[in-house]
């Protein structure tokens, strides 16, 4: 099972999301975890690198919903990610 950690900026962003946005992210997160295990991401999540920020990736979880993350060292042979930010496109000012 993939592992993760969450940085403080993610939790600050999380608290500003509506309950509907939080639910949409949680649904996308289930797909993300399944895809992370399989090694291939489905196109709908639009996993891609964040320009001008080496090592930072983004995931689309709604029309204007984005979350940024970094890959970490594997833990017990499983993929590991650190969630950095979550919200609208505004998070890209400081991903």
C-alpha atoms as a PDB file:
ATOM      1  CA  UNK A   1       0.000   0.000   0.000  1.00  0.00           C
ATOM      2  CA  UNK A   2       1.518   3.382  -0.980  1.00  0.00           C
ATOM      3  CA  UNK A   3       2.486   5.668   1.890  1.00  0.00           C
ATOM      4  CA  UNK A   4       2.207   9.425   2.248  1.00  0.00           C
ATOM      5  CA  UNK A   5       2.790  12.370   4.500  1.00  0.00           C
ATOM      6  CA  UNK A   6       1.208  15.808   4.509  1.00  0.00           C
ATOM      7  CA  UNK A   7       2.951  19.150   5.060  1.00  0.00           C
ATOM      8  CA  UNK A   8       1.410  21.967   7.109  1.00  0.00           C
ATOM      9  CA  UNK A   9       0.568  24.082   4.032  1.00  0.00           C
ATOM     10  CA  UNK A  10      -1.656  21.274   2.735  1.00  0.00           C
ATOM     11  CA  UNK A  11      -3.679  21.242   5.961  1.00  0.00           C
ATOM     12  CA  UNK A  12      -4.056  25.040   5.883  1.00  0.00           C
ATOM     13  CA  UNK A  13      -5.374  24.761   2.326  1.00  0.00           C
ATOM     14  CA  UNK A  14      -7.598  21.791   3.228  1.00  0.00           C
ATOM     15  CA  UNK A  15      -9.439  23.791   5.880  1.00  0.00           C
ATOM     16  CA  UNK A  16     -10.413  26.398   3.256  1.00  0.00           C
ATOM     17  CA  UNK A  17     -12.054  23.813   0.961  1.00  0.00           C
ATOM     18  CA  UNK A  18     -15.792  23.243   1.035  1.00  0.00           C
ATOM     19  CA  UNK A  19     -17.054  19.825   2.163  1.00  0.00           C
ATOM     20  CA  UNK A  20     -17.928  19.079  -1.484  1.00  0.00           C
ATOM     21  CA  UNK A  21     -14.379  19.917  -2.588  1.00  0.00           C
ATOM     22  CA  UNK A  22     -12.917  17.748   0.168  1.00  0.00           C
ATOM     23  CA  UNK A  23     -15.121  14.860  -0.950  1.00  0.00           C
ATOM     24  CA  UNK A  24     -14.096  15.325  -4.601  1.00  0.00           C
ATOM     25  CA  UNK A  25     -10.432  15.194  -3.584  1.00  0.00           C
ATOM     26  CA  UNK A  26     -10.955  12.067  -1.479  1.00  0.00           C
ATOM     27  CA  UNK A  27     -12.593  10.327  -4.445  1.00  0.00           C
ATOM     28  CA  UNK A  28      -9.708  11.304  -6.723  1.00  0.00           C
ATOM     29  CA  UNK A  29      -7.248  10.208  -4.033  1.00  0.00           C
ATOM     30  CA  UNK A  30      -8.633   6.659  -4.160  1.00  0.00           C
ATOM     31  CA  UNK A  31      -7.987   6.599  -7.912  1.00  0.00           C
ATOM     32  CA  UNK A  32      -4.524   8.111  -7.381  1.00  0.00           C
ATOM     33  CA  UNK A  33      -3.574   5.439  -4.842  1.00  0.00           C
ATOM     34  CA  UNK A  34      -4.779   2.621  -7.108  1.00  0.00           C
ATOM     35  CA  UNK A  35      -2.862   4.096 -10.040  1.00  0.00           C
ATOM     36  CA  UNK A  36       0.254   4.645  -7.932  1.00  0.00           C
ATOM     37  CA  UNK A  37       0.188   0.956  -7.021  1.00  0.00           C
ATOM     38  CA  UNK A  38      -0.186  -0.080 -10.663  1.00  0.00           C
ATOM     39  CA  UNK A  39       2.477   2.323 -11.940  1.00  0.00           C
ATOM     40  CA  UNK A  40       0.221   3.968 -14.553  1.00  0.00           C
ATOM     41  CA  UNK A  41      -1.965   7.024 -13.927  1.00  0.00           C
ATOM     42  CA  UNK A  42      -5.327   7.352 -15.637  1.00  0.00           C
ATOM     43  CA  UNK A  43      -5.582  10.381 -17.973  1.00  0.00           C
ATOM     44  CA  UNK A  44      -8.431  11.959 -15.970  1.00  0.00           C
ATOM     45  CA  UNK A  45      -6.134  12.738 -13.022  1.00  0.00           C
ATOM     46  CA  UNK A  46      -3.776  14.641 -15.330  1.00  0.00           C
ATOM     47  CA  UNK A  47      -0.648  13.929 -13.306  1.00  0.00           C
ATOM     48  CA  UNK A  48       2.123  16.195 -14.565  1.00  0.00           C
ATOM     49  CA  UNK A  49       5.194  18.106 -13.436  1.00  0.00           C
ATOM     50  CA  UNK A  50       4.793  21.653 -12.162  1.00  0.00           C
ATOM     51  CA  UNK A  51       6.795  23.958 -14.402  1.00  0.00           C
ATOM     52  CA  UNK A  52       9.776  25.742 -12.824  1.00  0.00           C
ATOM     53  CA  UNK A  53       9.515  23.663  -9.633  1.00  0.00           C
ATOM     54  CA  UNK A  54      11.768  20.600  -9.945  1.00  0.00           C
ATOM     55  CA  UNK A  55      10.414  17.540  -8.188  1.00  0.00           C
ATOM     56  CA  UNK A  56       6.900  18.958  -7.697  1.00  0.00           C
ATOM     57  CA  UNK A  57       3.962  17.262  -9.420  1.00  0.00           C
ATOM     58  CA  UNK A  58       0.280  18.139  -9.706  1.00  0.00           C
ATOM     59  CA  UNK A  59      -2.920  16.129  -9.739  1.00  0.00           C
ATOM     60  CA  UNK A  60      -6.275  17.357 -11.033  1.00  0.00           C
ATOM     61  CA  UNK A  61      -9.176  16.404  -8.783  1.00  0.00           C
ATOM     62  CA  UNK A  62     -11.874  18.790 -10.146  1.00  0.00           C
ATOM     63  CA  UNK A  63     -12.348  21.316 -12.955  1.00  0.00           C
ATOM     64  CA  UNK A  64     -10.560  23.937 -10.837  1.00  0.00           C
ATOM     65  CA  UNK A  65      -9.145  21.574  -8.223  1.00  0.00           C
ATOM     66  CA  UNK A  66      -5.446  20.846  -8.005  1.00  0.00           C
ATOM     67  CA  UNK A  67      -3.142  19.216  -5.470  1.00  0.00           C
ATOM     68  CA  UNK A  68       0.647  19.258  -5.555  1.00  0.00           C
ATOM     69  CA  UNK A  69       2.950  16.568  -4.257  1.00  0.00           C
ATOM     70  CA  UNK A  70       6.505  15.262  -4.329  1.00  0.00           C
ATOM     71  CA  UNK A  71       7.711  11.703  -4.611  1.00  0.00           C
ATOM     72  CA  UNK A  72       9.760  10.509  -1.655  1.00  0.00           C
ATOM     73  CA  UNK A  73      11.915   7.485  -1.035  1.00  0.00           C
ATOM     74  CA  UNK A  74      10.026   4.214  -1.048  1.00  0.00           C
ATOM     75  CA  UNK A  75       8.994   2.909   2.356  1.00  0.00           C
ATOM     76  CA  UNK A  76       9.088  -0.878   2.786  1.00  0.00           C
ATOM     77  CA  UNK A  77       9.197  -1.166  -1.000  1.00  0.00           C
ATOM     78  CA  UNK A  78       6.072   0.940  -1.515  1.00  0.00           C
ATOM     79  CA  UNK A  79       5.765   4.309  -3.308  1.00  0.00           C
ATOM     80  CA  UNK A  80       5.731   7.362  -1.035  1.00  0.00           C
ATOM     81  CA  UNK A  81       4.396  10.875  -1.718  1.00  0.00           C
ATOM     82  CA  UNK A  82       4.350  14.117   0.276  1.00  0.00           C
ATOM     83  CA  UNK A  83       1.229  16.223  -0.306  1.00  0.00           C
ATOM     84  CA  UNK A  84       2.186  19.914  -0.459  1.00  0.00           C
ATOM     85  CA  UNK A  85      -0.795  22.096  -1.457  1.00  0.00           C
ATOM     86  CA  UNK A  86      -4.466  21.707  -2.403  1.00  0.00           C
ATOM     87  CA  UNK A  87      -6.990  24.126  -3.848  1.00  0.00           C
ATOM     88  CA  UNK A  88      -7.630  25.989  -7.082  1.00  0.00           C
ATOM     89  CA  UNK A  89      -5.103  27.149  -9.658  1.00  0.00           C
ATOM     90  CA  UNK A  90      -4.065  29.787  -7.112  1.00  0.00           C
ATOM     91  CA  UNK A  91      -1.850  27.222  -5.375  1.00  0.00           C
ATOM     92  CA  UNK A  92       0.581  27.433  -8.271  1.00  0.00           C
ATOM     93  CA  UNK A  93       1.838  30.778  -7.009  1.00  0.00           C
ATOM     94  CA  UNK A  94       3.621  28.722  -4.312  1.00  0.00           C
ATOM     95  CA  UNK A  95       3.193  25.026  -5.209  1.00  0.00           C
END
